[in-house]
Amino acid sequence: MNNHKNTKKTRTGLKDTWNAFMCKGAKYSEHDIPFCPTVLTGIPKEIITWEEAKQLHKKLVRKDRKYFYDAFICFYMDDYKFDGVRSSIWLFPWLALRVLKHFRGIITPDFSTYQDFPYPLKLWNTFRMRSFGYWAGTQGLEVINNVRWGTSETYHYCFDGIDKDSVVAIGTVGGSPRKVADRKRFVDGLEEMVMKLEPHTIIVYGSADYPCFKELEKRGIRIIAFKSYTAKYYEGRTKDE
């Protein structure tokens, strides 16, 4: 187990179909999930989406090819926007790095693990989250682990590869916990995450205005919320009207 070897380069420049090069030197959990160390010099000043980062890059690189933008990039969006056939950061990581390297860091990619996904696919996407994050750290980026869980059957692997007593990130811009039907699953997973990882700080991309976060604050866990792209957009429109 874990005797991973790279194969020859393909036309895409990747060394193999599952990006073994990303995990060179990594340690693995019992479920073969690579450990992705938290690499952080301070709480992010700003969090932007991959789409926003690409737009900024096009604008800023024209003026300065070595520009630096002090923000973390997150991937809390539909998968096709960062993992499509032609837009995949997984299939074309070196192209993605051309943008990423100009920013302070990333929150590891939020590859979907929907409840109706088959078990191998959910495990694979968890593997990809940690692998990409580990590799980003080796490329000089600061890294915060995104934590994504499903129902209780995912608990035995979905927290693998993340440092205890560190800073973690979660997104609330999708169905959970905004949708009442999904709220219990979200809260149960949040409690499990806190029990297993014991984070001292949780970064929330989206609203943190839910009782579960207030309760965690009472228990001494720091909750830091960043407005989502959509919230900022509508806030701007309201001000303009």
Protein backbone atom coordinates (compact mmCIF):
# COMPACT_ATOMS: atom_id res chain seq x y z
CA MET A 1 0.00 0.00 0.00
CA ASN A 2 1.11 3.56 -0.75
CA ASN A 3 3.87 2.32 -3.08
CA HIS A 4 2.85 4.96 -5.61
CA LYS A 5 5.02 5.37 -8.70
CA ASN A 6 4.73 7.93 -11.46
CA THR A 7 4.40 6.88 -15.07
CA LYS A 8 5.71 8.64 -18.17
CA LYS A 9 4.45 12.06 -19.15
CA THR A 10 1.46 12.23 -21.46
CA ARG A 11 0.60 14.83 -24.08
CA THR A 12 -1.13 16.91 -21.41
CA GLY A 13 2.11 17.09 -19.44
CA LEU A 14 0.70 15.04 -16.57
CA LYS A 15 2.75 12.13 -15.29
CA ASP A 16 -0.22 9.80 -14.88
CA THR A 17 -3.98 9.70 -14.82
CA TRP A 18 -4.31 10.29 -11.08
CA ASN A 19 -1.59 12.91 -10.58
CA ALA A 20 0.69 10.84 -8.37
CA PHE A 21 3.31 13.59 -8.70
CA MET A 22 1.13 15.78 -6.48
CA CYS A 23 1.62 13.42 -3.55
CA LYS A 24 5.38 12.97 -3.76
CA GLY A 25 6.65 12.83 -0.19
CA ALA A 26 3.18 12.87 1.35
CA LYS A 27 2.07 10.69 4.23
CA TYR A 28 -1.19 8.78 3.92
CA SER A 29 -4.10 7.86 6.16
CA GLU A 30 -5.33 4.30 6.51
CA HIS A 31 -7.78 5.05 3.67
CA ASP A 32 -4.95 6.22 1.40
CA ILE A 33 -5.90 9.89 1.72
CA PRO A 34 -2.74 12.05 1.64
CA PHE A 35 -2.11 14.37 4.56
CA CYS A 36 -2.39 18.02 3.55
CA PRO A 37 -0.65 20.21 6.14
CA THR A 38 -2.18 23.55 6.98
CA VAL A 39 0.24 26.22 5.75
CA LEU A 40 -0.78 29.58 7.13
CA THR A 41 0.93 32.77 8.31
CA GLY A 42 -2.31 34.49 9.29
CA ILE A 43 -6.06 34.60 8.74
CA PRO A 44 -6.95 35.59 5.15
CA LYS A 45 -7.76 39.22 4.52
CA GLU A 46 -9.95 38.31 1.59
CA ILE A 47 -11.37 35.16 0.02
CA ILE A 48 -12.32 35.12 -3.65
CA THR A 49 -13.61 32.40 -5.94
CA TRP A 50 -11.59 30.74 -8.70
CA GLU A 51 -13.73 32.59 -11.24
CA GLU A 52 -12.91 35.94 -9.63
CA ALA A 53 -9.23 35.03 -9.46
CA LYS A 54 -9.09 34.26 -13.18
CA GLN A 55 -10.76 37.55 -14.02
CA LEU A 56 -8.34 39.46 -11.79
CA HIS A 57 -5.41 37.63 -13.31
CA LYS A 58 -6.33 38.64 -16.85
CA LYS A 59 -6.51 42.25 -15.75
CA LEU A 60 -3.45 42.45 -13.49
CA VAL A 61 -0.97 40.34 -15.42
CA ARG A 62 -1.12 42.77 -18.34
CA LYS A 63 0.35 45.49 -16.13
CA ASP A 64 2.73 43.36 -14.09
CA ARG A 65 3.66 39.76 -14.86
CA LYS A 66 4.90 39.32 -11.29
CA TYR A 67 1.95 40.89 -9.51
CA PHE A 68 0.85 39.66 -6.07
CA TYR A 69 -2.73 39.79 -4.79
CA ASP A 70 -3.23 39.21 -1.07
CA ALA A 71 -6.22 36.90 -1.11
CA PHE A 72 -7.08 33.23 -0.76
CA ILE A 73 -8.81 31.45 -3.61
CA CYS A 74 -11.71 29.11 -2.88
CA PHE A 75 -13.67 26.71 -5.06
CA TYR A 76 -17.14 26.93 -3.53
CA MET A 77 -18.97 26.85 -6.85
CA ASP A 78 -20.38 24.38 -9.37
CA ASP A 79 -17.75 21.76 -10.17
CA TYR A 80 -17.86 22.32 -13.92
CA LYS A 81 -16.38 25.80 -13.37
CA PHE A 82 -13.13 24.37 -12.02
CA ASP A 83 -13.30 20.69 -12.97
CA GLY A 84 -14.80 20.66 -16.45
CA VAL A 85 -13.37 18.87 -19.45
CA ARG A 86 -11.42 21.94 -20.55
CA SER A 87 -11.33 23.92 -17.31
CA SER A 88 -10.20 21.28 -14.84
CA ILE A 89 -7.58 22.32 -12.30
CA TRP A 90 -7.05 18.59 -11.76
CA LEU A 91 -6.40 17.73 -15.41
CA PHE A 92 -4.37 20.89 -16.06
CA PRO A 93 -2.79 21.80 -12.70
CA TRP A 94 0.21 23.55 -14.21
CA LEU A 95 -2.09 25.89 -16.12
CA ALA A 96 -4.01 26.57 -12.91
CA LEU A 97 -0.75 27.30 -11.12
CA ARG A 98 -0.05 30.16 -13.53
CA VAL A 99 -2.93 31.95 -11.83
CA LEU A 100 -2.66 30.54 -8.31
CA LYS A 101 0.98 31.53 -7.82
CA HIS A 102 0.03 35.22 -7.89
CA PHE A 103 -2.22 34.87 -4.85
CA ARG A 104 -1.44 34.27 -1.20
CA GLY A 105 -3.04 30.87 -0.90
CA ILE A 106 -5.95 28.53 -1.48
CA ILE A 107 -8.73 26.81 0.36
CA THR A 108 -8.46 23.29 -1.00
CA PRO A 109 -10.85 22.49 -3.88
CA ASP A 110 -14.43 21.64 -3.01
CA PHE A 111 -14.82 18.60 -5.25
CA SER A 112 -18.40 17.47 -4.70
CA THR A 113 -19.32 14.47 -2.54
CA TYR A 114 -23.09 14.52 -2.93
CA GLN A 115 -25.14 12.04 -0.91
CA ASP A 116 -26.28 10.17 -4.03
CA PHE A 117 -22.72 9.77 -5.34
CA PRO A 118 -21.40 6.20 -5.20
CA TYR A 119 -18.93 5.55 -2.39
CA PRO A 120 -15.80 5.27 -4.62
CA LEU A 121 -16.52 8.66 -6.21
CA LYS A 122 -16.91 10.39 -2.85
CA LEU A 123 -13.67 8.84 -1.63
CA TRP A 124 -11.92 9.83 -4.88
CA ASN A 125 -13.01 13.45 -4.56
CA THR A 126 -11.83 13.54 -0.95
CA PHE A 127 -8.50 12.19 -2.18
CA ARG A 128 -8.34 14.93 -4.81
CA MET A 129 -9.04 17.69 -2.27
CA ARG A 130 -6.08 16.68 -0.13
CA SER A 131 -3.78 15.86 -3.04
CA PHE A 132 -4.28 19.21 -4.75
CA GLY A 133 -3.87 21.03 -1.44
CA TYR A 134 -0.68 19.17 -0.57
CA TRP A 135 0.76 19.94 -4.01
CA ALA A 136 -0.22 23.61 -3.76
CA GLY A 137 1.73 23.80 -0.51
CA THR A 138 4.83 22.39 -2.19
CA GLN A 139 4.48 25.14 -4.82
CA GLY A 140 4.79 27.89 -2.21
CA LEU A 141 1.12 28.65 -1.59
CA GLU A 142 -0.47 28.92 1.82
CA VAL A 143 -3.12 26.24 2.30
CA ILE A 144 -6.28 25.90 4.37
CA ASN A 145 -8.14 22.62 4.21
CA ASN A 146 -11.72 22.64 3.01
CA VAL A 147 -13.79 20.13 4.96
CA ARG A 148 -16.69 18.41 3.26
CA TRP A 149 -18.78 15.60 4.68
CA GLY A 150 -21.89 13.71 3.71
CA THR A 151 -24.10 11.50 5.83
CA SER A 152 -22.66 9.42 8.65
CA GLU A 153 -21.14 6.74 6.41
CA THR A 154 -18.57 9.31 5.20
CA TYR A 155 -17.27 10.13 8.68
CA HIS A 156 -14.63 7.39 8.72
CA TYR A 157 -12.66 8.97 5.86
CA CYS A 158 -13.89 12.51 5.07
CA PHE A 159 -11.77 14.13 7.81
CA ASP A 160 -8.61 12.23 6.89
CA GLY A 161 -5.47 14.14 5.98
CA ILE A 162 -6.26 17.32 7.96
CA ASP A 163 -4.25 18.63 10.89
CA LYS A 164 -5.84 18.66 14.31
CA ASP A 165 -6.02 21.92 16.27
CA SER A 166 -5.69 24.04 13.14
CA VAL A 167 -7.70 26.37 10.90
CA VAL A 168 -10.23 24.70 8.60
CA ALA A 169 -12.75 26.06 6.10
CA ILE A 170 -16.28 25.13 5.12
CA GLY A 171 -18.73 26.58 2.63
CA THR A 172 -22.38 27.38 3.32
CA VAL A 173 -23.28 28.76 -0.09
CA GLY A 174 -24.95 25.56 -1.36
CA GLY A 175 -27.84 23.64 0.09
CA SER A 176 -26.44 23.17 3.59
CA PRO A 177 -27.29 24.52 6.08
CA ARG A 178 -29.53 27.02 4.29
CA LYS A 179 -32.06 24.33 3.32
CA VAL A 180 -33.99 23.13 6.35
CA ALA A 181 -34.10 19.57 4.96
CA ASP A 182 -30.29 19.47 4.90
CA ARG A 183 -29.66 21.24 8.19
CA LYS A 184 -29.55 18.23 10.51
CA ARG A 185 -27.08 16.44 8.26
CA PHE A 186 -24.92 19.57 8.21
CA VAL A 187 -25.02 20.09 11.97
CA ASP A 188 -24.32 16.41 12.70
CA GLY A 189 -21.30 16.48 10.39
CA LEU A 190 -20.08 19.76 11.84
CA GLU A 191 -20.16 18.26 15.34
CA GLU A 192 -18.30 15.18 14.12
CA MET A 193 -15.68 17.37 12.45
CA VAL A 194 -15.15 19.39 15.62
CA MET A 195 -14.83 16.21 17.69
CA LYS A 196 -12.27 14.62 15.36
CA LEU A 197 -10.24 17.63 14.22
CA GLU A 198 -10.61 19.96 17.21
CA PRO A 199 -10.11 23.12 15.10
CA HIS A 200 -9.40 26.34 16.94
CA THR A 201 -10.72 28.41 14.01
CA ILE A 202 -13.35 27.70 11.38
CA ILE A 203 -13.50 29.91 8.30
CA VAL A 204 -16.97 30.02 6.78
CA TYR A 205 -17.41 31.07 3.17
CA GLY A 206 -21.00 32.28 3.16
CA SER A 207 -23.35 32.97 6.03
CA ALA A 208 -22.47 31.82 9.54
CA ASP A 209 -25.73 33.14 10.95
CA TYR A 210 -26.90 29.77 12.26
CA PRO A 211 -27.29 28.50 15.83
CA CYS A 212 -24.69 25.75 15.29
CA PHE A 213 -21.94 28.33 14.80
CA LYS A 214 -23.08 30.41 17.78
CA GLU A 215 -22.83 27.28 19.91
CA LEU A 216 -19.29 26.58 18.71
CA GLU A 217 -18.27 30.14 19.58
CA LYS A 218 -19.54 29.57 23.11
CA ARG A 219 -17.22 26.56 23.25
CA GLY A 220 -14.22 28.71 22.39
CA ILE A 221 -13.94 28.03 18.66
CA ARG A 222 -13.33 31.11 16.56
CA ILE A 223 -15.78 31.48 13.66
CA ILE A 224 -14.78 33.86 10.86
CA ALA A 225 -17.29 34.37 8.06
CA PHE A 226 -16.57 35.80 4.61
CA LYS A 227 -19.35 37.01 2.36
CA SER A 228 -19.86 34.93 -0.75
CA TYR A 229 -19.48 36.33 -4.26
CA THR A 230 -23.28 36.28 -4.66
CA ALA A 231 -23.87 38.13 -1.39
CA LYS A 232 -21.33 40.81 -2.33
CA TYR A 233 -22.88 41.14 -5.77
CA TYR A 234 -26.40 41.72 -4.47
CA GLU A 235 -25.11 43.99 -1.72
CA GLY A 236 -23.45 46.12 -4.40
CA ARG A 237 -26.61 46.24 -6.48
CA THR A 238 -28.64 47.36 -3.45
CA LYS A 239 -26.23 50.21 -2.79
CA ASP A 240 -26.43 51.31 -6.44
CA GLU A 241 -30.24 51.41 -6.48
